[in-house]
Every structure is written in C-alpha cells, then in structure tokens.
Amino acid sequence: MSLNVELSKFKVKQGKSHVVDEWMKFLNDNMKDVLLTLENEKMYVESIFREKIEETEYLYWHSIQGDGGAHVEESQYEVDKKHLEYWYVCIDEETSLTNLTSEVLMIQEDVRKSME
C-alpha cells in the first residue's frame, strides 16, 4: 500500500484570524462527524497547525492518506461543506501554496498494517 504524506503551508487572509478561531473550534467541537468523513478520503492522519509571524498567519496541514481516497470537495457530509466554507473565507489562495517534502516516514509496523 502506498501512503501519501503531506505537509502544506497556507497563508491566512489578513483580518481573518478570528474566523480561523471559529473554524478550529468548529472542527474540534464536531470531531465525531469529522472523523466519519476521513474514511471515504482514506485519510489516516490529518493535523492542522497554526503559526503567526509578526502580522501574518499560516495554517499547516499534515496528512497521511492512502491511495484513491475521495476529495473533500466531493463530500456530501455537512461537516465537510462547512469546513470548505471556512476554507474559502480564510485561506489566501492568491498566495502560492508551500508543500514541504517528506524525507523520512517513521510509522510502527503494526500501525502501518492497521492502515491497510
């Protein structure tokens, strides 16, 4: 089985930090529903990190995903639709996306087998 490991950096639109607060709260408050959506995406691990450098804020997505998973944009789950609404309000898509390169992936064999 092939795993797609990503770490991507996205710039938050200026003045949207308070909306990012709402977004992250929404995801945390609805984690049961969020986790249900991950199966269709073959998403085994997904984490969101936040960084603020002076007046500029960034969100980092870290994910470990299997091949052939559904795209979140195709989801019929209400929690995914709301997640995408927040995305379009908060993420500055005019700023180029930064994808970091995975050099080493350390996953215990029993955990890797459970992903198959």
C-alpha atoms as a PDB file:
ATOM      1  CA  MET A   1       0.000   0.000   0.000  1.00  0.00           C
ATOM      2  CA  SER A   2       1.239   3.444  -0.897  1.00  0.00           C
ATOM      3  CA  LEU A   3       0.918   6.334   1.537  1.00  0.00           C
ATOM      4  CA  ASN A   4       0.770   9.966   0.516  1.00  0.00           C
ATOM      5  CA  VAL A   5       2.408  12.050   3.247  1.00  0.00           C
ATOM      6  CA  GLU A   6       1.993  15.806   3.004  1.00  0.00           C
ATOM      7  CA  LEU A   7       2.817  18.927   4.929  1.00  0.00           C
ATOM      8  CA  SER A   8       1.424  22.041   3.276  1.00  0.00           C
ATOM      9  CA  LYS A   9       1.551  25.676   4.359  1.00  0.00           C
ATOM     10  CA  PHE A  10      -1.288  28.092   3.588  1.00  0.00           C
ATOM     11  CA  LYS A  11      -1.431  31.829   4.246  1.00  0.00           C
ATOM     12  CA  VAL A  12      -4.474  33.094   6.132  1.00  0.00           C
ATOM     13  CA  LYS A  13      -6.186  36.158   4.667  1.00  0.00           C
ATOM     14  CA  GLN A  14      -5.440  39.337   6.562  1.00  0.00           C
ATOM     15  CA  GLY A  15      -8.037  40.056   9.251  1.00  0.00           C
ATOM     16  CA  LYS A  16      -9.447  36.507   9.293  1.00  0.00           C
ATOM     17  CA  SER A  17      -7.701  35.229  12.427  1.00  0.00           C
ATOM     18  CA  HIS A  18     -10.950  35.394  14.412  1.00  0.00           C
ATOM     19  CA  VAL A  19     -12.668  33.299  11.726  1.00  0.00           C
ATOM     20  CA  VAL A  20      -9.827  30.761  11.922  1.00  0.00           C
ATOM     21  CA  ASP A  21     -10.546  30.609  15.680  1.00  0.00           C
ATOM     22  CA  GLU A  22     -14.190  29.754  14.861  1.00  0.00           C
ATOM     23  CA  TRP A  23     -13.101  27.227  12.227  1.00  0.00           C
ATOM     24  CA  MET A  24     -10.748  25.342  14.517  1.00  0.00           C
ATOM     25  CA  LYS A  25     -13.368  25.367  17.286  1.00  0.00           C
ATOM     26  CA  PHE A  26     -15.949  24.039  14.813  1.00  0.00           C
ATOM     27  CA  LEU A  27     -13.663  21.146  13.818  1.00  0.00           C
ATOM     28  CA  ASN A  28     -12.815  20.304  17.429  1.00  0.00           C
ATOM     29  CA  ASP A  29     -16.448  20.575  18.569  1.00  0.00           C
ATOM     30  CA  ASN A  30     -17.594  18.312  15.726  1.00  0.00           C
ATOM     31  CA  MET A  31     -14.758  15.787  15.836  1.00  0.00           C
ATOM     32  CA  LYS A  32     -17.084  12.774  15.855  1.00  0.00           C
ATOM     33  CA  ASP A  33     -18.546  13.872  12.499  1.00  0.00           C
ATOM     34  CA  VAL A  34     -15.156  14.972  11.172  1.00  0.00           C
ATOM     35  CA  LEU A  35     -13.679  11.539  11.833  1.00  0.00           C
ATOM     36  CA  LEU A  36     -16.556   9.881   9.951  1.00  0.00           C
ATOM     37  CA  THR A  37     -15.597  11.784   6.801  1.00  0.00           C
ATOM     38  CA  LEU A  38     -11.981  10.636   6.857  1.00  0.00           C
ATOM     39  CA  GLU A  39     -12.777   7.034   5.917  1.00  0.00           C
ATOM     40  CA  ASN A  40     -14.033   7.962   2.423  1.00  0.00           C
ATOM     41  CA  GLU A  41     -10.916  10.066   1.922  1.00  0.00           C
ATOM     42  CA  LYS A  42      -8.663   7.196   3.077  1.00  0.00           C
ATOM     43  CA  MET A  43      -7.235   9.812   5.411  1.00  0.00           C
ATOM     44  CA  TYR A  44      -5.414   8.065   8.245  1.00  0.00           C
ATOM     45  CA  VAL A  45      -3.947  11.125   9.940  1.00  0.00           C
ATOM     46  CA  GLU A  46      -4.782  14.782   9.456  1.00  0.00           C
ATOM     47  CA  SER A  47      -3.491  17.569  11.680  1.00  0.00           C
ATOM     48  CA  ILE A  48      -3.733  21.337  11.401  1.00  0.00           C
ATOM     49  CA  PHE A  49      -1.042  23.562  12.896  1.00  0.00           C
ATOM     50  CA  ARG A  50      -1.124  27.326  13.255  1.00  0.00           C
ATOM     51  CA  GLU A  51       1.722  29.843  13.114  1.00  0.00           C
ATOM     52  CA  LYS A  52       1.822  33.614  13.378  1.00  0.00           C
ATOM     53  CA  ILE A  53       4.877  35.527  12.176  1.00  0.00           C
ATOM     54  CA  GLU A  54       4.521  39.182  13.020  1.00  0.00           C
ATOM     55  CA  GLU A  55       1.177  40.119  11.421  1.00  0.00           C
ATOM     56  CA  THR A  56       0.966  37.170   9.022  1.00  0.00           C
ATOM     57  CA  GLU A  57      -0.748  33.944   9.986  1.00  0.00           C
ATOM     58  CA  TYR A  58      -0.340  30.499   8.432  1.00  0.00           C
ATOM     59  CA  LEU A  59      -2.056  27.158   8.716  1.00  0.00           C
ATOM     60  CA  TYR A  60      -0.148  23.955   8.088  1.00  0.00           C
ATOM     61  CA  TRP A  61      -1.889  20.734   7.086  1.00  0.00           C
ATOM     62  CA  HIS A  62      -0.120  17.468   7.834  1.00  0.00           C
ATOM     63  CA  SER A  63      -1.730  14.339   6.429  1.00  0.00           C
ATOM     64  CA  ILE A  64      -1.132  10.678   5.813  1.00  0.00           C
ATOM     65  CA  GLN A  65      -3.530   9.363   3.205  1.00  0.00           C
ATOM     66  CA  GLY A  66      -3.955   6.136   1.273  1.00  0.00           C
ATOM     67  CA  ASP A  67      -4.306   5.957  -2.500  1.00  0.00           C
ATOM     68  CA  GLY A  68      -7.667   6.509  -4.145  1.00  0.00           C
ATOM     69  CA  GLY A  69      -9.402   8.462  -1.423  1.00  0.00           C
ATOM     70  CA  ALA A  70     -12.300  10.790  -2.173  1.00  0.00           C
ATOM     71  CA  HIS A  71     -11.618  14.519  -2.342  1.00  0.00           C
ATOM     72  CA  VAL A  72     -13.162  16.667   0.383  1.00  0.00           C
ATOM     73  CA  GLU A  73     -14.739  18.843  -2.334  1.00  0.00           C
ATOM     74  CA  GLU A  74     -16.814  15.828  -3.415  1.00  0.00           C
ATOM     75  CA  SER A  75     -18.091  15.072   0.092  1.00  0.00           C
ATOM     76  CA  GLN A  76     -21.794  15.134   0.882  1.00  0.00           C
ATOM     77  CA  TYR A  77     -21.174  15.450   4.635  1.00  0.00           C
ATOM     78  CA  GLU A  78     -22.423  18.719   6.127  1.00  0.00           C
ATOM     79  CA  VAL A  79     -19.303  18.998   8.300  1.00  0.00           C
ATOM     80  CA  ASP A  80     -17.119  18.949   5.149  1.00  0.00           C
ATOM     81  CA  LYS A  81     -19.280  21.547   3.431  1.00  0.00           C
ATOM     82  CA  LYS A  82     -18.913  23.851   6.450  1.00  0.00           C
ATOM     83  CA  HIS A  83     -15.169  23.118   6.582  1.00  0.00           C
ATOM     84  CA  LEU A  84     -14.844  24.222   2.940  1.00  0.00           C
ATOM     85  CA  GLU A  85     -16.877  27.383   3.636  1.00  0.00           C
ATOM     86  CA  TYR A  86     -14.344  28.333   6.290  1.00  0.00           C
ATOM     87  CA  TRP A  87     -11.516  27.467   3.897  1.00  0.00           C
ATOM     88  CA  TYR A  88     -12.764  29.869   1.220  1.00  0.00           C
ATOM     89  CA  VAL A  89     -13.247  32.669   3.763  1.00  0.00           C
ATOM     90  CA  CYS A  90      -9.871  32.217   5.476  1.00  0.00           C
ATOM     91  CA  ILE A  91      -7.260  30.845   3.077  1.00  0.00           C
ATOM     92  CA  ASP A  92      -5.456  33.247   0.762  1.00  0.00           C
ATOM     93  CA  GLU A  93      -5.439  31.215  -2.443  1.00  0.00           C
ATOM     94  CA  GLU A  94      -3.672  34.010  -4.330  1.00  0.00           C
ATOM     95  CA  THR A  95      -0.531  33.331  -2.285  1.00  0.00           C
ATOM     96  CA  SER A  96       1.319  30.301  -3.554  1.00  0.00           C
ATOM     97  CA  LEU A  97       0.973  27.133  -1.574  1.00  0.00           C
ATOM     98  CA  THR A  98       4.082  25.690   0.050  1.00  0.00           C
ATOM     99  CA  ASN A  99       4.402  21.903   0.017  1.00  0.00           C
ATOM    100  CA  LEU A 100       7.217  20.584   2.161  1.00  0.00           C
ATOM    101  CA  THR A 101       8.995  17.386   1.131  1.00  0.00           C
ATOM    102  CA  SER A 102       8.771  14.308   3.328  1.00  0.00           C
ATOM    103  CA  GLU A 103      12.246  12.846   3.780  1.00  0.00           C
ATOM    104  CA  VAL A 104      11.590  10.179   6.412  1.00  0.00           C
ATOM    105  CA  LEU A 105       8.360   8.481   7.488  1.00  0.00           C
ATOM    106  CA  MET A 106       8.525   6.640  10.785  1.00  0.00           C
ATOM    107  CA  ILE A 107       5.449   4.532  11.461  1.00  0.00           C
ATOM    108  CA  GLN A 108       5.425   1.432  13.614  1.00  0.00           C
ATOM    109  CA  GLU A 109       4.743  -1.682  11.528  1.00  0.00           C
ATOM    110  CA  ASP A 110       1.606  -2.605  13.475  1.00  0.00           C
ATOM    111  CA  VAL A 111       0.190   0.880  12.886  1.00  0.00           C
ATOM    112  CA  ARG A 112       1.062   0.719   9.172  1.00  0.00           C
ATOM    113  CA  LYS A 113      -0.652  -2.690   8.898  1.00  0.00           C
ATOM    114  CA  SER A 114      -3.804  -1.272  10.505  1.00  0.00           C
ATOM    115  CA  MET A 115      -3.927   1.294   7.676  1.00  0.00           C
ATOM    116  CA  GLU A 116      -4.090  -1.415   5.002  1.00  0.00           C
END
